[in-house]
Amino acid sequence: MEILEVKSIERYLTGLTELLVKVVDEGASIGFLPPLGKSGAAAYWSGVKQSDEAILFAALIDDKVVGTVQLHLCTKPNGSHRAEIAKLMTDRTIRRKGLGRLLMKTAEERAQKENRRLLVLDTREGDPSNHLYQSMGYTAAGKIPNFAQSSNGQLDATIFYYKNI
């Protein structure tokens, strides 16, 4: 397995698009609702790489995208010490094998290189990712009820986490 920073989206666009469509169809709460079409997913990824503040990492097995995470650097003058972890995704066929943890560590290491000392993220209450974040030293800062809509129309709470690094 290889984890790399994606600087040019074209080479990985198909794999990133397929992964995003899959995890959304499986019910992941990452800002999209199913069914997510490939054109919508591809447009999303193209937009990510047009932003200088988003650092995109991809995990590859045999040149196939099996996971991804983003590090969003805060560009506000009073936020130059912080960054946000976003859109941690792994292919379900390799979940619970340490890939999510490895992607998170990669993003954390990059944040340190960027002189970021505070990381923030959010995730849906009850999702397995809560256990991952807590086990990596993230602290729950609070919960907002009815934050994100699920595909069935239900409104779910989200939990915000932070970690000083």
C-alpha atoms as a PDB file:
ATOM      1  CA  MET A   1       0.000   0.000   0.000  1.00  0.00           C
ATOM      2  CA  GLU A   2       1.141   3.493  -0.839  1.00  0.00           C
ATOM      3  CA  ILE A   3      -0.124   6.822   0.488  1.00  0.00           C
ATOM      4  CA  LEU A   4       0.671   9.862  -1.597  1.00  0.00           C
ATOM      5  CA  GLU A   5      -0.240  13.489  -1.899  1.00  0.00           C
ATOM      6  CA  VAL A   6      -2.384  14.051  -4.977  1.00  0.00           C
ATOM      7  CA  LYS A   7      -1.082  17.157  -6.694  1.00  0.00           C
ATOM      8  CA  SER A   8      -2.568  16.496 -10.128  1.00  0.00           C
ATOM      9  CA  ILE A   9      -6.106  15.145 -10.023  1.00  0.00           C
ATOM     10  CA  GLU A  10      -6.296  13.773 -13.563  1.00  0.00           C
ATOM     11  CA  ARG A  11      -4.364  10.555 -12.929  1.00  0.00           C
ATOM     12  CA  TYR A  12      -6.502   9.617  -9.904  1.00  0.00           C
ATOM     13  CA  LEU A  13      -9.826  11.195 -10.853  1.00  0.00           C
ATOM     14  CA  THR A  14     -11.530   7.941 -11.882  1.00  0.00           C
ATOM     15  CA  GLY A  15     -10.472   6.090  -8.727  1.00  0.00           C
ATOM     16  CA  LEU A  16     -11.382   8.972  -6.421  1.00  0.00           C
ATOM     17  CA  THR A  17     -14.735   9.331  -8.174  1.00  0.00           C
ATOM     18  CA  GLU A  18     -15.532   5.622  -7.842  1.00  0.00           C
ATOM     19  CA  LEU A  19     -14.574   5.621  -4.158  1.00  0.00           C
ATOM     20  CA  LEU A  20     -16.720   8.668  -3.395  1.00  0.00           C
ATOM     21  CA  VAL A  21     -19.744   7.220  -5.191  1.00  0.00           C
ATOM     22  CA  LYS A  22     -19.339   3.898  -3.318  1.00  0.00           C
ATOM     23  CA  VAL A  23     -19.025   5.336   0.177  1.00  0.00           C
ATOM     24  CA  VAL A  24     -21.940   7.728  -0.364  1.00  0.00           C
ATOM     25  CA  ASP A  25     -24.103   4.860  -1.644  1.00  0.00           C
ATOM     26  CA  GLU A  26     -23.112   2.914   1.506  1.00  0.00           C
ATOM     27  CA  GLY A  27     -24.466   5.723   3.670  1.00  0.00           C
ATOM     28  CA  ALA A  28     -21.354   7.691   4.625  1.00  0.00           C
ATOM     29  CA  SER A  29     -22.128  11.138   5.981  1.00  0.00           C
ATOM     30  CA  ILE A  30     -19.578  13.195   4.068  1.00  0.00           C
ATOM     31  CA  GLY A  31     -21.709  15.964   2.635  1.00  0.00           C
ATOM     32  CA  PHE A  32     -23.471  14.089  -0.154  1.00  0.00           C
ATOM     33  CA  LEU A  33     -26.688  12.083  -0.460  1.00  0.00           C
ATOM     34  CA  PRO A  34     -27.192   8.986  -2.592  1.00  0.00           C
ATOM     35  CA  PRO A  35     -27.481   8.423  -5.387  1.00  0.00           C
ATOM     36  CA  LEU A  36     -24.389  10.409  -6.259  1.00  0.00           C
ATOM     37  CA  GLY A  37     -23.631  10.292  -9.962  1.00  0.00           C
ATOM     38  CA  LYS A  38     -20.120   9.950 -11.287  1.00  0.00           C
ATOM     39  CA  SER A  39     -20.256  13.368 -12.939  1.00  0.00           C
ATOM     40  CA  GLY A  40     -21.147  15.037  -9.630  1.00  0.00           C
ATOM     41  CA  ALA A  41     -18.401  13.151  -7.814  1.00  0.00           C
ATOM     42  CA  ALA A  42     -15.829  14.004 -10.487  1.00  0.00           C
ATOM     43  CA  ALA A  43     -16.811  17.667 -10.341  1.00  0.00           C
ATOM     44  CA  TYR A  44     -16.331  17.625  -6.576  1.00  0.00           C
ATOM     45  CA  TRP A  45     -12.791  16.212  -6.863  1.00  0.00           C
ATOM     46  CA  SER A  46     -11.853  18.681  -9.573  1.00  0.00           C
ATOM     47  CA  GLY A  47     -12.925  21.495  -7.262  1.00  0.00           C
ATOM     48  CA  VAL A  48     -10.848  20.159  -4.379  1.00  0.00           C
ATOM     49  CA  LYS A  49      -7.638  20.462  -6.344  1.00  0.00           C
ATOM     50  CA  GLN A  50      -8.422  23.991  -7.496  1.00  0.00           C
ATOM     51  CA  SER A  51      -8.093  25.088  -3.882  1.00  0.00           C
ATOM     52  CA  ASP A  52      -4.616  25.824  -2.540  1.00  0.00           C
ATOM     53  CA  GLU A  53      -5.805  25.307   1.011  1.00  0.00           C
ATOM     54  CA  ALA A  54      -6.848  21.650   0.515  1.00  0.00           C
ATOM     55  CA  ILE A  55      -4.144  18.986   0.640  1.00  0.00           C
ATOM     56  CA  LEU A  56      -5.426  15.683  -0.716  1.00  0.00           C
ATOM     57  CA  PHE A  57      -3.947  12.289   0.147  1.00  0.00           C
ATOM     58  CA  ALA A  58      -4.850   9.000  -1.535  1.00  0.00           C
ATOM     59  CA  ALA A  59      -4.124   5.434  -0.496  1.00  0.00           C
ATOM     60  CA  LEU A  60      -3.353   3.087  -3.375  1.00  0.00           C
ATOM     61  CA  ILE A  61      -3.130  -0.667  -3.676  1.00  0.00           C
ATOM     62  CA  ASP A  62      -1.839  -1.818  -7.054  1.00  0.00           C
ATOM     63  CA  ASP A  63      -2.469   1.713  -8.363  1.00  0.00           C
ATOM     64  CA  LYS A  64      -6.157   1.538  -7.305  1.00  0.00           C
ATOM     65  CA  VAL A  65      -7.525   4.241  -4.980  1.00  0.00           C
ATOM     66  CA  VAL A  66      -8.731   2.561  -1.776  1.00  0.00           C
ATOM     67  CA  GLY A  67      -8.796   5.506   0.601  1.00  0.00           C
ATOM     68  CA  THR A  68      -8.432   9.240   0.923  1.00  0.00           C
ATOM     69  CA  VAL A  69      -8.326  12.101   3.397  1.00  0.00           C
ATOM     70  CA  GLN A  70      -7.983  15.857   3.103  1.00  0.00           C
ATOM     71  CA  LEU A  71      -6.216  18.446   5.205  1.00  0.00           C
ATOM     72  CA  HIS A  72      -7.748  21.911   4.864  1.00  0.00           C
ATOM     73  CA  LEU A  73      -5.396  24.664   5.977  1.00  0.00           C
ATOM     74  CA  CYS A  74      -7.144  27.621   7.558  1.00  0.00           C
ATOM     75  CA  THR A  75      -6.234  30.763   5.609  1.00  0.00           C
ATOM     76  CA  LYS A  76      -7.748  33.302   8.001  1.00  0.00           C
ATOM     77  CA  PRO A  77      -5.135  35.493   9.697  1.00  0.00           C
ATOM     78  CA  ASN A  78      -6.264  34.372  13.143  1.00  0.00           C
ATOM     79  CA  GLY A  79      -6.322  30.697  12.137  1.00  0.00           C
ATOM     80  CA  SER A  80      -2.875  30.099  10.700  1.00  0.00           C
ATOM     81  CA  HIS A  81      -2.216  27.633  13.528  1.00  0.00           C
ATOM     82  CA  ARG A  82      -5.080  25.274  12.664  1.00  0.00           C
ATOM     83  CA  ALA A  83      -6.374  22.901   9.990  1.00  0.00           C
ATOM     84  CA  GLU A  84      -9.377  20.688   9.406  1.00  0.00           C
ATOM     85  CA  ILE A  85      -9.385  16.985   8.628  1.00  0.00           C
ATOM     86  CA  ALA A  86     -12.046  16.266   6.004  1.00  0.00           C
ATOM     87  CA  LYS A  87     -13.554  13.454   3.949  1.00  0.00           C
ATOM     88  CA  LEU A  88     -11.755  10.440   5.417  1.00  0.00           C
ATOM     89  CA  MET A  89     -12.903   7.543   3.212  1.00  0.00           C
ATOM     90  CA  THR A  90     -11.825   3.930   2.842  1.00  0.00           C
ATOM     91  CA  ASP A  91     -13.034   1.201   0.536  1.00  0.00           C
ATOM     92  CA  ARG A  92     -15.225  -1.157   2.564  1.00  0.00           C
ATOM     93  CA  THR A  93     -13.276  -4.198   1.366  1.00  0.00           C
ATOM     94  CA  ILE A  94     -10.255  -3.129   3.431  1.00  0.00           C
ATOM     95  CA  ARG A  95     -11.878  -1.425   6.414  1.00  0.00           C
ATOM     96  CA  ARG A  96     -10.765  -2.238   9.949  1.00  0.00           C
ATOM     97  CA  LYS A  97      -7.227  -2.980   8.779  1.00  0.00           C
ATOM     98  CA  GLY A  98      -5.597   0.278   9.856  1.00  0.00           C
ATOM     99  CA  LEU A  99      -5.968   2.286   6.659  1.00  0.00           C
ATOM    100  CA  GLY A 100      -8.088   5.038   8.221  1.00  0.00           C
ATOM    101  CA  ARG A 101      -5.563   5.388  11.039  1.00  0.00           C
ATOM    102  CA  LEU A 102      -2.692   5.539   8.539  1.00  0.00           C
ATOM    103  CA  LEU A 103      -4.422   8.218   6.490  1.00  0.00           C
ATOM    104  CA  MET A 104      -5.107  10.227   9.651  1.00  0.00           C
ATOM    105  CA  LYS A 105      -1.461   9.966  10.745  1.00  0.00           C
ATOM    106  CA  THR A 106      -0.372  11.120   7.293  1.00  0.00           C
ATOM    107  CA  ALA A 107      -2.632  14.179   7.526  1.00  0.00           C
ATOM    108  CA  GLU A 108      -1.429  14.915  11.074  1.00  0.00           C
ATOM    109  CA  GLU A 109       2.225  14.718  10.036  1.00  0.00           C
ATOM    110  CA  ARG A 110       1.591  17.082   7.148  1.00  0.00           C
ATOM    111  CA  ALA A 111      -0.240  19.473   9.457  1.00  0.00           C
ATOM    112  CA  GLN A 112       2.842  19.589  11.686  1.00  0.00           C
ATOM    113  CA  LYS A 113       5.043  20.344   8.668  1.00  0.00           C
ATOM    114  CA  GLU A 114       2.670  23.205   7.851  1.00  0.00           C
ATOM    115  CA  ASN A 115       3.131  24.519  11.421  1.00  0.00           C
ATOM    116  CA  ARG A 116      -0.459  23.709  12.361  1.00  0.00           C
ATOM    117  CA  ARG A 117      -0.932  22.922  16.043  1.00  0.00           C
ATOM    118  CA  LEU A 118      -4.691  22.412  16.220  1.00  0.00           C
ATOM    119  CA  LEU A 119      -6.735  19.982  14.157  1.00  0.00           C
ATOM    120  CA  VAL A 120     -10.531  19.920  14.006  1.00  0.00           C
ATOM    121  CA  LEU A 121     -13.000  17.557  12.356  1.00  0.00           C
ATOM    122  CA  ASP A 122     -16.608  16.467  12.577  1.00  0.00           C
ATOM    123  CA  THR A 123     -18.454  13.222  12.081  1.00  0.00           C
ATOM    124  CA  ARG A 124     -21.973  11.875  12.437  1.00  0.00           C
ATOM    125  CA  GLU A 125     -22.892  10.714  15.901  1.00  0.00           C
ATOM    126  CA  GLY A 126     -22.827   6.924  16.129  1.00  0.00           C
ATOM    127  CA  ASP A 127     -20.600   6.317  13.093  1.00  0.00           C
ATOM    128  CA  PRO A 128     -17.631   3.960  13.610  1.00  0.00           C
ATOM    129  CA  SER A 129     -15.281   6.850  12.828  1.00  0.00           C
ATOM    130  CA  ASN A 130     -16.010   8.246  16.308  1.00  0.00           C
ATOM    131  CA  HIS A 131     -14.070   5.344  17.817  1.00  0.00           C
ATOM    132  CA  LEU A 132     -11.132   5.936  15.488  1.00  0.00           C
ATOM    133  CA  TYR A 133     -10.892   9.635  16.298  1.00  0.00           C
ATOM    134  CA  GLN A 134     -11.180   9.068  20.037  1.00  0.00           C
ATOM    135  CA  SER A 135      -8.540   6.321  19.941  1.00  0.00           C
ATOM    136  CA  MET A 136      -6.176   8.754  18.177  1.00  0.00           C
ATOM    137  CA  GLY A 137      -6.480  11.358  20.921  1.00  0.00           C
ATOM    138  CA  TYR A 138      -9.200  13.601  19.506  1.00  0.00           C
ATOM    139  CA  THR A 139     -11.457  15.221  22.098  1.00  0.00           C
ATOM    140  CA  ALA A 140     -15.175  15.722  21.548  1.00  0.00           C
ATOM    141  CA  ALA A 141     -15.850  19.449  21.760  1.00  0.00           C
ATOM    142  CA  GLY A 142     -19.596  19.215  21.364  1.00  0.00           C
ATOM    143  CA  LYS A 143     -22.570  17.911  19.455  1.00  0.00           C
ATOM    144  CA  ILE A 144     -25.008  19.706  17.188  1.00  0.00           C
ATOM    145  CA  PRO A 145     -28.360  17.949  16.781  1.00  0.00           C
ATOM    146  CA  ASN A 146     -30.083  17.788  13.391  1.00  0.00           C
ATOM    147  CA  PHE A 147     -26.881  18.822  11.624  1.00  0.00           C
ATOM    148  CA  ALA A 148     -26.906  16.579   8.544  1.00  0.00           C
ATOM    149  CA  GLN A 149     -29.657  14.901   6.598  1.00  0.00           C
ATOM    150  CA  SER A 150     -29.442  11.196   5.771  1.00  0.00           C
ATOM    151  CA  SER A 151     -30.763   9.626   2.600  1.00  0.00           C
ATOM    152  CA  ASN A 152     -33.954   8.588   4.421  1.00  0.00           C
ATOM    153  CA  GLY A 153     -34.632  12.211   5.391  1.00  0.00           C
ATOM    154  CA  GLN A 154     -33.612  11.721   9.024  1.00  0.00           C
ATOM    155  CA  LEU A 155     -31.645  14.552  10.590  1.00  0.00           C
ATOM    156  CA  ASP A 156     -28.565  13.314  12.428  1.00  0.00           C
ATOM    157  CA  ALA A 157     -26.369  14.922  15.041  1.00  0.00           C
ATOM    158  CA  THR A 158     -22.711  15.604  14.350  1.00  0.00           C
ATOM    159  CA  ILE A 159     -19.883  15.623  16.850  1.00  0.00           C
ATOM    160  CA  PHE A 160     -17.021  18.092  16.543  1.00  0.00           C
ATOM    161  CA  TYR A 161     -13.564  16.949  17.627  1.00  0.00           C
ATOM    162  CA  TYR A 162     -10.228  18.667  18.148  1.00  0.00           C
ATOM    163  CA  LYS A 163      -6.654  17.627  18.797  1.00  0.00           C
ATOM    164  CA  ASN A 164      -3.619  19.686  19.739  1.00  0.00           C
ATOM    165  CA  ILE A 165      -0.568  18.331  17.938  1.00  0.00           C
END
